[in-house]
Amino acid sequence: MKPLDLTEKIVNPILEAVSQWTKLQKILIPVVLFVLVGGGVTYFSYLPKYKEITKLTKEQLKLDKDLSRSKQKAAKIHGYRRKMALAERKFRQALQALPEKKEIPSLLTHISRSGQASGLQFLLFQPQAEVQKEFYAEIPVAIQVDGNYHNVAMFFDKVAALSRIVNIRDIKMTAQRYPLPLRTSCTAVTYRFVEAPPPKKGAKKKKK
């Protein structure tokens, strides 16, 4: 088939039909075609990308929020680490102030000498049974002395100046008849660090 024949059979009838359209039809038909083509392009090309963009935008917002929360938590972690380091230093300092078991007799001797140096007369100086706590043990000593108020205050001050921790509690002062001195009863409490016992072999096997 020749090109001329194809033009006569297909193109010419179309041109004749178009020439018979009214002016309104000539305006509306291109507009309708444009809308159809544009709508098809929008539906098949733009809408899927728009949905994907919307999804990615939501994910980005969520990731930004997660990142912000993570930064806040990281800032708090640094603060907690500083507090932990400070607490560990204080704990080590406290441990250094706790006497070892072998130092207890020497410490009790220092307490007794502090009282004598303060001009007190000891009527009672009796170590009591240890009181076990979580990681330390209390070692109370019942004390009863005679002396004036100034001597007792000097004794307490000397005990507070010892390198090891010693607390004075349960203080009772009794005024006796003149010229007898003031009688003071108290409990001096020192502390000893208690190491946790090593786990037994049988307990390890059972745990496994």
N, C-alpha and C. Protein backbone atom coordinates (compact mmCIF):
# COMPACT_ATOMS: atom_id res chain seq x y z
N MET A 1 0.84 -1.19 0.00
CA MET A 1 0.00 0.00 0.00
C MET A 1 0.89 1.24 0.00
N LYS A 2 0.53 2.20 -0.88
CA LYS A 2 1.32 3.41 -1.02
C LYS A 2 0.96 4.41 0.08
N PRO A 3 1.91 5.30 0.40
CA PRO A 3 1.62 6.32 1.41
C PRO A 3 0.44 7.19 1.07
N LEU A 4 0.25 7.46 -0.18
CA LEU A 4 -0.85 8.31 -0.59
C LEU A 4 -2.18 7.67 -0.30
N ASP A 5 -2.25 6.38 -0.53
CA ASP A 5 -3.50 5.66 -0.25
C ASP A 5 -3.81 5.68 1.24
N LEU A 6 -2.78 5.52 2.13
CA LEU A 6 -2.97 5.55 3.59
C LEU A 6 -3.50 6.92 4.02
N THR A 7 -2.98 7.97 3.43
CA THR A 7 -3.44 9.32 3.77
C THR A 7 -4.89 9.51 3.37
N GLU A 8 -5.24 9.04 2.18
CA GLU A 8 -6.61 9.21 1.71
C GLU A 8 -7.59 8.42 2.55
N LYS A 9 -7.22 7.24 3.00
CA LYS A 9 -8.16 6.39 3.73
C LYS A 9 -8.28 6.74 5.21
N ILE A 10 -7.21 7.29 5.82
CA ILE A 10 -7.24 7.52 7.28
C ILE A 10 -7.23 8.99 7.62
N VAL A 11 -6.24 9.71 7.10
CA VAL A 11 -6.05 11.09 7.52
C VAL A 11 -7.15 12.00 6.97
N ASN A 12 -7.48 11.86 5.69
CA ASN A 12 -8.47 12.75 5.07
C ASN A 12 -9.83 12.65 5.76
N PRO A 13 -10.34 11.43 6.08
CA PRO A 13 -11.64 11.38 6.79
C PRO A 13 -11.58 12.08 8.14
N ILE A 14 -10.44 11.98 8.84
CA ILE A 14 -10.34 12.62 10.14
C ILE A 14 -10.38 14.13 9.98
N LEU A 15 -9.64 14.63 9.00
CA LEU A 15 -9.63 16.07 8.77
C LEU A 15 -11.01 16.58 8.39
N GLU A 16 -11.72 15.81 7.55
CA GLU A 16 -13.07 16.22 7.15
C GLU A 16 -14.00 16.26 8.36
N ALA A 17 -13.84 15.24 9.28
CA ALA A 17 -14.69 15.21 10.48
C ALA A 17 -14.38 16.40 11.38
N VAL A 18 -13.10 16.72 11.53
CA VAL A 18 -12.73 17.84 12.39
C VAL A 18 -13.24 19.16 11.82
N SER A 19 -13.22 19.26 10.48
CA SER A 19 -13.67 20.51 9.86
C SER A 19 -15.15 20.75 10.07
N GLN A 20 -15.89 19.66 10.34
CA GLN A 20 -17.31 19.80 10.56
C GLN A 20 -17.66 20.09 12.02
N TRP A 21 -16.66 20.06 12.93
CA TRP A 21 -16.94 20.35 14.33
C TRP A 21 -17.32 21.81 14.52
N THR A 22 -18.14 22.04 15.52
CA THR A 22 -18.46 23.41 15.87
C THR A 22 -17.28 24.04 16.61
N LYS A 23 -17.35 25.34 16.80
CA LYS A 23 -16.27 26.04 17.49
C LYS A 23 -16.13 25.56 18.94
N LEU A 24 -17.26 25.29 19.60
CA LEU A 24 -17.24 24.81 20.99
C LEU A 24 -16.58 23.44 21.06
N GLN A 25 -16.93 22.57 20.09
CA GLN A 25 -16.32 21.24 20.08
C GLN A 25 -14.81 21.32 19.88
N LYS A 26 -14.38 22.23 19.01
CA LYS A 26 -12.95 22.37 18.76
C LYS A 26 -12.20 22.84 20.02
N ILE A 27 -12.92 23.54 20.91
CA ILE A 27 -12.28 24.00 22.15
C ILE A 27 -12.32 22.91 23.22
N LEU A 28 -13.49 22.26 23.34
CA LEU A 28 -13.68 21.30 24.43
C LEU A 28 -12.89 20.02 24.23
N ILE A 29 -12.82 19.52 23.02
CA ILE A 29 -12.17 18.22 22.80
C ILE A 29 -10.68 18.29 23.15
N PRO A 30 -9.91 19.31 22.73
CA PRO A 30 -8.51 19.37 23.17
C PRO A 30 -8.36 19.49 24.69
N VAL A 31 -9.33 20.28 25.29
CA VAL A 31 -9.28 20.42 26.74
C VAL A 31 -9.50 19.07 27.43
N VAL A 32 -10.50 18.32 26.91
CA VAL A 32 -10.78 16.99 27.48
C VAL A 32 -9.59 16.07 27.31
N LEU A 33 -8.98 16.08 26.14
CA LEU A 33 -7.80 15.25 25.90
C LEU A 33 -6.65 15.62 26.84
N PHE A 34 -6.48 16.93 27.04
CA PHE A 34 -5.40 17.40 27.94
C PHE A 34 -5.67 16.92 29.37
N VAL A 35 -6.95 17.03 29.78
CA VAL A 35 -7.30 16.59 31.14
C VAL A 35 -7.07 15.10 31.29
N LEU A 36 -7.47 14.32 30.29
CA LEU A 36 -7.30 12.87 30.36
C LEU A 36 -5.82 12.49 30.41
N VAL A 37 -5.04 13.11 29.54
CA VAL A 37 -3.60 12.80 29.52
C VAL A 37 -2.93 13.24 30.83
N GLY A 38 -3.28 14.49 31.25
CA GLY A 38 -2.70 14.99 32.50
C GLY A 38 -3.12 14.16 33.70
N GLY A 39 -4.42 13.77 33.72
CA GLY A 39 -4.90 12.93 34.82
C GLY A 39 -4.19 11.58 34.85
N GLY A 40 -3.99 11.00 33.67
CA GLY A 40 -3.29 9.72 33.62
C GLY A 40 -1.86 9.82 34.11
N VAL A 41 -1.19 10.88 33.67
CA VAL A 41 0.19 11.08 34.12
C VAL A 41 0.24 11.30 35.64
N THR A 42 -0.72 12.12 36.13
CA THR A 42 -0.75 12.39 37.57
C THR A 42 -1.02 11.12 38.37
N TYR A 43 -1.97 10.32 37.93
CA TYR A 43 -2.37 9.12 38.67
C TYR A 43 -1.28 8.06 38.67
N PHE A 44 -0.70 7.84 37.49
CA PHE A 44 0.27 6.74 37.37
C PHE A 44 1.70 7.15 37.71
N SER A 45 1.98 8.43 37.67
CA SER A 45 3.36 8.85 37.90
C SER A 45 3.51 9.68 39.18
N TYR A 46 2.70 10.70 39.37
CA TYR A 46 2.90 11.64 40.49
C TYR A 46 2.39 11.08 41.82
N LEU A 47 1.16 10.47 41.79
CA LEU A 47 0.57 10.01 43.05
C LEU A 47 1.44 8.97 43.78
N PRO A 48 1.97 7.95 43.11
CA PRO A 48 2.84 7.01 43.83
C PRO A 48 4.05 7.69 44.47
N LYS A 49 4.64 8.64 43.73
CA LYS A 49 5.78 9.36 44.29
C LYS A 49 5.36 10.24 45.46
N TYR A 50 4.17 10.83 45.37
CA TYR A 50 3.68 11.67 46.45
C TYR A 50 3.46 10.85 47.72
N LYS A 51 2.87 9.67 47.55
CA LYS A 51 2.67 8.79 48.71
C LYS A 51 4.00 8.38 49.32
N GLU A 52 4.96 8.08 48.47
CA GLU A 52 6.28 7.68 48.96
C GLU A 52 6.96 8.84 49.69
N ILE A 53 6.82 10.06 49.13
CA ILE A 53 7.40 11.24 49.78
C ILE A 53 6.74 11.48 51.14
N THR A 54 5.42 11.33 51.20
CA THR A 54 4.70 11.51 52.47
C THR A 54 5.17 10.49 53.50
N LYS A 55 5.32 9.24 53.06
CA LYS A 55 5.78 8.18 53.97
C LYS A 55 7.19 8.47 54.48
N LEU A 56 8.07 8.87 53.57
CA LEU A 56 9.45 9.17 53.97
C LEU A 56 9.51 10.39 54.89
N THR A 57 8.63 11.36 54.66
CA THR A 57 8.60 12.54 55.53
C THR A 57 8.19 12.17 56.94
N LYS A 58 7.19 11.30 57.07
CA LYS A 58 6.76 10.85 58.40
C LYS A 58 7.89 10.08 59.09
N GLU A 59 8.57 9.21 58.34
CA GLU A 59 9.68 8.46 58.91
C GLU A 59 10.80 9.39 59.37
N GLN A 60 11.06 10.43 58.58
CA GLN A 60 12.11 11.38 58.96
C GLN A 60 11.73 12.12 60.24
N LEU A 61 10.47 12.53 60.36
CA LEU A 61 10.03 13.21 61.58
C LEU A 61 10.17 12.29 62.79
N LYS A 62 9.81 11.02 62.60
CA LYS A 62 9.93 10.05 63.70
C LYS A 62 11.40 9.87 64.10
N LEU A 63 12.28 9.77 63.09
CA LEU A 63 13.71 9.61 63.37
C LEU A 63 14.28 10.84 64.06
N ASP A 64 13.80 12.02 63.66
CA ASP A 64 14.26 13.26 64.32
C ASP A 64 13.86 13.27 65.79
N LYS A 65 12.62 12.82 66.08
CA LYS A 65 12.18 12.76 67.47
C LYS A 65 13.00 11.75 68.26
N ASP A 66 13.23 10.57 67.64
CA ASP A 66 14.04 9.54 68.31
C ASP A 66 15.46 10.05 68.58
N LEU A 67 16.02 10.77 67.61
CA LEU A 67 17.36 11.31 67.78
C LEU A 67 17.40 12.34 68.91
N SER A 68 16.36 13.19 68.97
CA SER A 68 16.30 14.19 70.03
C SER A 68 16.21 13.53 71.40
N ARG A 69 15.35 12.48 71.51
CA ARG A 69 15.24 11.77 72.79
C ARG A 69 16.55 11.09 73.15
N SER A 70 17.22 10.51 72.15
CA SER A 70 18.50 9.84 72.42
C SER A 70 19.54 10.83 72.91
N LYS A 71 19.57 12.04 72.32
CA LYS A 71 20.51 13.06 72.77
C LYS A 71 20.23 13.46 74.21
N GLN A 72 18.94 13.60 74.56
CA GLN A 72 18.58 13.95 75.93
C GLN A 72 19.02 12.86 76.90
N LYS A 73 18.80 11.59 76.51
CA LYS A 73 19.21 10.48 77.37
C LYS A 73 20.73 10.44 77.49
N ALA A 74 21.43 10.71 76.39
CA ALA A 74 22.90 10.71 76.43
C ALA A 74 23.41 11.78 77.38
N ALA A 75 22.76 12.96 77.34
CA ALA A 75 23.17 14.03 78.25
C ALA A 75 22.93 13.62 79.71
N LYS A 76 21.82 12.93 79.98
CA LYS A 76 21.55 12.47 81.34
C LYS A 76 22.55 11.40 81.76
N ILE A 77 22.92 10.53 80.83
CA ILE A 77 23.88 9.47 81.15
C ILE A 77 25.20 10.06 81.61
N HIS A 78 25.66 11.12 80.93
CA HIS A 78 26.91 11.77 81.34
C HIS A 78 26.79 12.31 82.77
N GLY A 79 25.63 12.88 83.08
CA GLY A 79 25.42 13.38 84.44
C GLY A 79 25.43 12.25 85.47
N TYR A 80 24.77 11.12 85.10
CA TYR A 80 24.75 9.98 86.01
C TYR A 80 26.15 9.41 86.21
N ARG A 81 26.95 9.40 85.13
CA ARG A 81 28.32 8.89 85.26
C ARG A 81 29.15 9.76 86.18
N ARG A 82 28.97 11.08 86.08
CA ARG A 82 29.70 11.98 86.98
C ARG A 82 29.29 11.75 88.44
N LYS A 83 27.97 11.58 88.65
CA LYS A 83 27.50 11.32 90.00
C LYS A 83 28.03 9.98 90.51
N MET A 84 28.06 8.97 89.62
CA MET A 84 28.57 7.66 90.01
C MET A 84 30.04 7.73 90.38
N ALA A 85 30.82 8.47 89.58
CA ALA A 85 32.26 8.61 89.88
C ALA A 85 32.45 9.32 91.22
N LEU A 86 31.65 10.36 91.48
CA LEU A 86 31.75 11.08 92.75
C LEU A 86 31.38 10.16 93.92
N ALA A 87 30.31 9.37 93.73
CA ALA A 87 29.89 8.45 94.79
C ALA A 87 30.96 7.39 95.05
N GLU A 88 31.60 6.91 93.98
CA GLU A 88 32.66 5.91 94.15
C GLU A 88 33.85 6.50 94.92
N ARG A 89 34.22 7.76 94.62
CA ARG A 89 35.31 8.40 95.35
C ARG A 89 34.98 8.54 96.83
N LYS A 90 33.74 8.98 97.11
CA LYS A 90 33.32 9.12 98.51
C LYS A 90 33.30 7.77 99.21
N PHE A 91 32.87 6.73 98.46
CA PHE A 91 32.82 5.39 99.05
C PHE A 91 34.23 4.90 99.39
N ARG A 92 35.18 5.15 98.48
CA ARG A 92 36.57 4.74 98.75
C ARG A 92 37.14 5.50 99.95
N GLN A 93 36.80 6.80 100.03
CA GLN A 93 37.26 7.58 101.18
C GLN A 93 36.67 7.05 102.48
N ALA A 94 35.39 6.65 102.42
CA ALA A 94 34.76 6.10 103.62
C ALA A 94 35.40 4.77 104.02
N LEU A 95 35.74 3.95 103.00
CA LEU A 95 36.38 2.68 103.30
C LEU A 95 37.73 2.89 103.97
N GLN A 96 38.45 3.92 103.52
CA GLN A 96 39.75 4.21 104.13
C GLN A 96 39.60 4.63 105.59
N ALA A 97 38.45 5.20 105.93
CA ALA A 97 38.21 5.62 107.31
C ALA A 97 37.70 4.48 108.18
N LEU A 98 37.38 3.33 107.58
CA LEU A 98 36.93 2.18 108.35
C LEU A 98 38.13 1.33 108.74
N PRO A 99 38.34 1.08 110.01
CA PRO A 99 39.51 0.29 110.42
C PRO A 99 39.37 -1.17 110.03
N GLU A 100 40.49 -1.81 109.76
CA GLU A 100 40.49 -3.24 109.55
C GLU A 100 40.40 -3.94 110.90
N LYS A 101 40.11 -5.23 110.84
CA LYS A 101 39.91 -5.98 112.08
C LYS A 101 41.15 -5.92 112.96
N LYS A 102 42.34 -6.03 112.34
CA LYS A 102 43.57 -6.04 113.11
C LYS A 102 43.86 -4.69 113.75
N GLU A 103 43.19 -3.61 113.27
CA GLU A 103 43.42 -2.27 113.82
C GLU A 103 42.49 -1.94 114.97
N ILE A 104 41.47 -2.74 115.21
CA ILE A 104 40.46 -2.44 116.22
C ILE A 104 41.07 -2.29 117.61
N PRO A 105 41.90 -3.25 118.09
CA PRO A 105 42.49 -3.07 119.44
C PRO A 105 43.27 -1.77 119.56
N SER A 106 44.05 -1.43 118.53
CA SER A 106 44.83 -0.18 118.58
C SER A 106 43.90 1.02 118.62
N LEU A 107 42.81 0.98 117.86
CA LEU A 107 41.86 2.09 117.84
C LEU A 107 41.20 2.26 119.21
N LEU A 108 40.82 1.16 119.83
CA LEU A 108 40.21 1.23 121.16
C LEU A 108 41.19 1.81 122.18
N THR A 109 42.46 1.45 122.02
CA THR A 109 43.48 2.02 122.90
C THR A 109 43.57 3.53 122.73
N HIS A 110 43.48 4.01 121.47
CA HIS A 110 43.52 5.45 121.20
C HIS A 110 42.32 6.15 121.84
N ILE A 111 41.15 5.51 121.78
CA ILE A 111 39.96 6.12 122.39
C ILE A 111 40.15 6.24 123.90
N SER A 112 40.66 5.18 124.51
CA SER A 112 40.89 5.20 125.95
C SER A 112 41.91 6.27 126.34
N ARG A 113 42.99 6.35 125.60
CA ARG A 113 44.01 7.35 125.89
C ARG A 113 43.48 8.78 125.71
N SER A 114 42.61 8.96 124.71
CA SER A 114 42.01 10.29 124.50
C SER A 114 41.22 10.72 125.72
N GLY A 115 40.51 9.75 126.34
CA GLY A 115 39.75 10.08 127.54
C GLY A 115 40.67 10.42 128.71
N GLN A 116 41.71 9.63 128.86
CA GLN A 116 42.65 9.90 129.96
C GLN A 116 43.36 11.23 129.77
N ALA A 117 43.72 11.54 128.49
CA ALA A 117 44.39 12.81 128.21
C ALA A 117 43.47 14.00 128.44
N SER A 118 42.17 13.75 128.41
CA SER A 118 41.21 14.83 128.65
C SER A 118 40.90 15.00 130.13
N GLY A 119 41.55 14.21 130.98
CA GLY A 119 41.35 14.36 132.41
C GLY A 119 40.16 13.60 132.95
N LEU A 120 39.70 12.58 132.22
CA LEU A 120 38.55 11.80 132.66
C LEU A 120 39.03 10.55 133.41
N GLN A 121 38.19 10.12 134.35
CA GLN A 121 38.45 8.89 135.08
C GLN A 121 37.50 7.81 134.55
N PHE A 122 38.07 6.74 133.98
CA PHE A 122 37.25 5.69 133.39
C PHE A 122 36.73 4.74 134.46
N LEU A 123 35.43 4.59 134.47
CA LEU A 123 34.79 3.60 135.34
C LEU A 123 34.42 2.35 134.55
N LEU A 124 34.18 2.52 133.23
CA LEU A 124 33.81 1.39 132.38
C LEU A 124 34.31 1.64 130.97
N PHE A 125 34.95 0.64 130.40
CA PHE A 125 35.36 0.69 128.99
C PHE A 125 35.27 -0.75 128.48
N GLN A 126 34.08 -1.10 127.94
CA GLN A 126 33.79 -2.50 127.63
C GLN A 126 33.31 -2.65 126.18
N PRO A 127 34.14 -3.24 125.31
CA PRO A 127 33.69 -3.52 123.94
C PRO A 127 32.53 -4.51 123.95
N GLN A 128 31.55 -4.23 123.09
CA GLN A 128 30.36 -5.08 122.97
C GLN A 128 30.47 -5.96 121.73
N ALA A 129 29.49 -6.82 121.57
CA ALA A 129 29.48 -7.72 120.41
C ALA A 129 29.26 -6.91 119.13
N GLU A 130 29.91 -7.36 118.05
CA GLU A 130 29.76 -6.69 116.75
C GLU A 130 28.32 -6.81 116.26
N VAL A 131 27.88 -5.76 115.58
CA VAL A 131 26.55 -5.75 114.96
C VAL A 131 26.75 -5.75 113.45
N GLN A 132 26.37 -6.84 112.80
CA GLN A 132 26.59 -6.99 111.37
C GLN A 132 25.56 -6.18 110.58
N LYS A 133 26.07 -5.41 109.62
CA LYS A 133 25.22 -4.66 108.70
C LYS A 133 25.43 -5.23 107.29
N GLU A 134 25.06 -4.44 106.27
CA GLU A 134 25.10 -4.95 104.91
C GLU A 134 26.52 -5.22 104.45
N PHE A 135 27.41 -4.24 104.52
CA PHE A 135 28.79 -4.43 104.09
C PHE A 135 29.80 -3.98 105.14
N TYR A 136 29.32 -3.76 106.35
CA TYR A 136 30.22 -3.37 107.43
C TYR A 136 29.67 -3.91 108.75
N ALA A 137 30.49 -3.80 109.78
CA ALA A 137 30.07 -4.24 111.11
C ALA A 137 30.28 -3.09 112.09
N GLU A 138 29.32 -2.89 112.99
CA GLU A 138 29.46 -1.90 114.05
C GLU A 138 30.13 -2.55 115.26
N ILE A 139 31.07 -1.82 115.85
CA ILE A 139 31.76 -2.31 117.03
C ILE A 139 31.51 -1.30 118.15
N PRO A 140 30.49 -1.53 118.98
CA PRO A 140 30.17 -0.58 120.06
C PRO A 140 31.04 -0.84 121.29
N VAL A 141 31.33 0.23 122.00
CA VAL A 141 32.09 0.17 123.25
C VAL A 141 31.33 0.97 124.30
N ALA A 142 30.93 0.28 125.36
CA ALA A 142 30.23 0.97 126.45
C ALA A 142 31.26 1.71 127.31
N ILE A 143 31.01 3.01 127.54
CA ILE A 143 31.95 3.85 128.27
C ILE A 143 31.22 4.56 129.40
N GLN A 144 31.89 4.63 130.55
CA GLN A 144 31.38 5.43 131.67
C GLN A 144 32.57 6.13 132.31
N VAL A 145 32.48 7.44 132.42
CA VAL A 145 33.60 8.23 132.94
C VAL A 145 33.09 9.26 133.94
N ASP A 146 34.01 9.68 134.78
CA ASP A 146 33.75 10.79 135.70
C ASP A 146 34.65 11.95 135.30
N GLY A 147 34.09 13.15 135.30
CA GLY A 147 34.85 14.35 134.95
C GLY A 147 33.90 15.49 134.69
N ASN A 148 34.42 16.71 134.65
CA ASN A 148 33.52 17.85 134.43
C ASN A 148 33.13 17.95 132.95
N TYR A 149 32.22 18.87 132.70
CA TYR A 149 31.67 19.01 131.34
C TYR A 149 32.77 19.37 130.34
N HIS A 150 33.68 20.22 130.73
CA HIS A 150 34.77 20.64 129.85
C HIS A 150 35.64 19.44 129.45
N ASN A 151 35.94 18.55 130.42
CA ASN A 151 36.75 17.36 130.13
C ASN A 151 36.03 16.43 129.16
N VAL A 152 34.73 16.26 129.34
CA VAL A 152 33.95 15.39 128.44
C VAL A 152 33.93 15.95 127.02
N ALA A 153 33.72 17.27 126.90
CA ALA A 153 33.72 17.89 125.57
C ALA A 153 35.07 17.74 124.90
N MET A 154 36.17 17.87 125.69
CA MET A 154 37.51 17.70 125.13
C MET A 154 37.71 16.25 124.64
N PHE A 155 37.19 15.28 125.40
CA PHE A 155 37.29 13.87 125.01
C PHE A 155 36.56 13.62 123.69
N PHE A 156 35.35 14.12 123.57
CA PHE A 156 34.58 13.94 122.34
C PHE A 156 35.29 14.58 121.15
N ASP A 157 35.91 15.73 121.37
CA ASP A 157 36.63 16.42 120.31
C ASP A 157 37.85 15.61 119.86
N LYS A 158 38.55 15.01 120.79
CA LYS A 158 39.71 14.18 120.44
C LYS A 158 39.28 12.94 119.67
N VAL A 159 38.17 12.34 120.07
CA VAL A 159 37.67 11.16 119.35
C VAL A 159 37.27 11.52 117.93
N ALA A 160 36.64 12.70 117.75
CA ALA A 160 36.24 13.13 116.41
C ALA A 160 37.44 13.40 115.52
N ALA A 161 38.60 13.72 116.13
CA ALA A 161 39.79 14.03 115.35
C ALA A 161 40.58 12.78 114.96
N LEU A 162 40.17 11.61 115.42
CA LEU A 162 40.87 10.38 115.05
C LEU A 162 40.74 10.12 113.55
N SER A 163 41.73 9.44 112.98
CA SER A 163 41.72 9.19 111.54
C SER A 163 40.65 8.19 111.13
N ARG A 164 40.18 7.40 112.05
CA ARG A 164 39.14 6.42 111.78
C ARG A 164 37.79 6.92 112.28
N ILE A 165 36.73 6.38 111.70
CA ILE A 165 35.38 6.82 112.06
C ILE A 165 35.00 6.27 113.43
N VAL A 166 34.67 7.16 114.35
CA VAL A 166 34.15 6.78 115.66
C VAL A 166 33.01 7.73 115.99
N ASN A 167 31.84 7.18 116.23
CA ASN A 167 30.68 7.99 116.59
C ASN A 167 30.37 7.79 118.07
N ILE A 168 30.02 8.87 118.73
CA ILE A 168 29.60 8.82 120.13
C ILE A 168 28.08 8.98 120.17
N ARG A 169 27.39 8.03 120.77
CA ARG A 169 25.93 8.13 120.84
C ARG A 169 25.44 7.65 122.23
N ASP A 170 24.15 7.79 122.43
CA ASP A 170 23.51 7.39 123.71
C ASP A 170 24.20 8.07 124.90
N ILE A 171 24.40 9.38 124.76
CA ILE A 171 25.10 10.13 125.81
C ILE A 171 24.13 10.44 126.95
N LYS A 172 24.55 10.10 128.17
CA LYS A 172 23.76 10.40 129.36
C LYS A 172 24.70 11.01 130.41
N MET A 173 24.35 12.18 130.91
CA MET A 173 25.15 12.85 131.94
C MET A 173 24.34 12.95 133.23
N THR A 174 24.99 12.57 134.31
CA THR A 174 24.32 12.59 135.62
C THR A 174 25.12 13.47 136.57
N ALA A 175 24.44 14.47 137.10
CA ALA A 175 25.09 15.36 138.07
C ALA A 175 25.05 14.70 139.44
N GLN A 176 26.21 14.49 140.02
CA GLN A 176 26.30 13.88 141.34
C GLN A 176 26.39 14.96 142.42
N ARG A 177 26.35 14.51 143.64
CA ARG A 177 26.43 15.46 144.74
C ARG A 177 27.82 16.10 144.80
N TYR A 178 27.82 17.39 145.05
CA TYR A 178 29.08 18.13 145.19
C TYR A 178 29.86 17.53 146.36
N PRO A 179 31.16 17.32 146.21
CA PRO A 179 32.05 17.76 145.12
C PRO A 179 32.34 16.66 144.12
N LEU A 180 31.47 15.65 144.05
CA LEU A 180 31.72 14.57 143.09
C LEU A 180 31.61 15.11 141.67
N PRO A 181 32.43 14.58 140.71
CA PRO A 181 32.39 15.08 139.33
C PRO A 181 31.15 14.58 138.57
N LEU A 182 30.96 15.16 137.40
CA LEU A 182 29.85 14.76 136.52
C LEU A 182 30.12 13.35 135.99
N ARG A 183 29.09 12.50 136.01
CA ARG A 183 29.25 11.13 135.50
C ARG A 183 28.58 11.04 134.12
N THR A 184 29.34 10.56 133.15
CA THR A 184 28.85 10.49 131.76
C THR A 184 28.91 9.04 131.28
N SER A 185 27.78 8.59 130.75
CA SER A 185 27.71 7.27 130.12
C SER A 185 27.44 7.47 128.63
N CYS A 186 28.11 6.71 127.79
CA CYS A 186 27.91 6.83 126.34
C CYS A 186 28.36 5.54 125.67
N THR A 187 28.13 5.48 124.37
CA THR A 187 28.59 4.35 123.57
C THR A 187 29.41 4.88 122.42
N ALA A 188 30.65 4.47 122.35
CA ALA A 188 31.51 4.82 121.21
C ALA A 188 31.39 3.71 120.18
N VAL A 189 31.05 4.08 118.97
CA VAL A 189 30.83 3.08 117.92
C VAL A 189 31.83 3.31 116.79
N THR A 190 32.63 2.30 116.51
CA THR A 190 33.48 2.34 115.33
C THR A 190 32.99 1.28 114.36
N TYR A 191 33.56 1.25 113.19
CA TYR A 191 33.03 0.41 112.12
C TYR A 191 34.16 -0.36 111.46
N ARG A 192 33.80 -1.52 110.95
CA ARG A 192 34.77 -2.36 110.25
C ARG A 192 34.15 -2.83 108.94
N PHE A 193 34.90 -2.68 107.85
CA PHE A 193 34.43 -3.12 106.55
C PHE A 193 34.43 -4.64 106.50
N VAL A 194 33.34 -5.20 106.01
CA VAL A 194 33.19 -6.66 105.93
C VAL A 194 33.15 -7.05 104.46
N GLU A 195 34.14 -7.80 104.03
CA GLU A 195 34.17 -8.27 102.65
C GLU A 195 33.19 -9.42 102.47
N ALA A 196 32.57 -9.44 101.29
CA ALA A 196 31.63 -10.52 101.00
C ALA A 196 32.39 -11.83 100.87
N PRO A 197 31.90 -12.92 101.47
CA PRO A 197 32.61 -14.20 101.36
C PRO A 197 32.58 -14.71 99.93
N PRO A 198 33.64 -15.38 99.48
CA PRO A 198 33.64 -15.92 98.12
C PRO A 198 32.57 -16.98 97.95
N PRO A 199 31.94 -17.05 96.77
CA PRO A 199 30.89 -18.04 96.56
C PRO A 199 31.44 -19.46 96.64
N LYS A 200 30.64 -20.35 97.19
CA LYS A 200 31.06 -21.74 97.32
C LYS A 200 31.03 -22.44 95.97
N LYS A 201 31.90 -23.44 95.81
CA LYS A 201 31.98 -24.16 94.55
C LYS A 201 30.67 -24.87 94.25
N GLY A 202 30.08 -25.44 95.28
CA GLY A 202 28.80 -26.14 95.07
C GLY A 202 27.72 -25.21 94.59
N ALA A 203 27.75 -23.95 95.10
CA ALA A 203 26.74 -22.98 94.67
C ALA A 203 26.93 -22.62 93.20
N LYS A 204 28.20 -22.55 92.77
CA LYS A 204 28.46 -22.24 91.35
C LYS A 204 27.91 -23.33 90.46
N LYS A 205 28.19 -24.59 90.82
CA LYS A 205 27.72 -25.70 90.00
C LYS A 205 26.21 -25.73 89.94
N LYS A 206 25.58 -25.48 91.09
CA LYS A 206 24.12 -25.47 91.14
C LYS A 206 23.56 -24.38 90.27
N LYS A 207 24.23 -23.19 90.29
CA LYS A 207 23.76 -22.07 89.48
C LYS A 207 23.86 -22.39 88.01
N LYS A 208 24.99 -23.06 87.61
CA LYS A 208 25.14 -23.43 86.21
C LYS A 208 24.04 -24.39 85.80
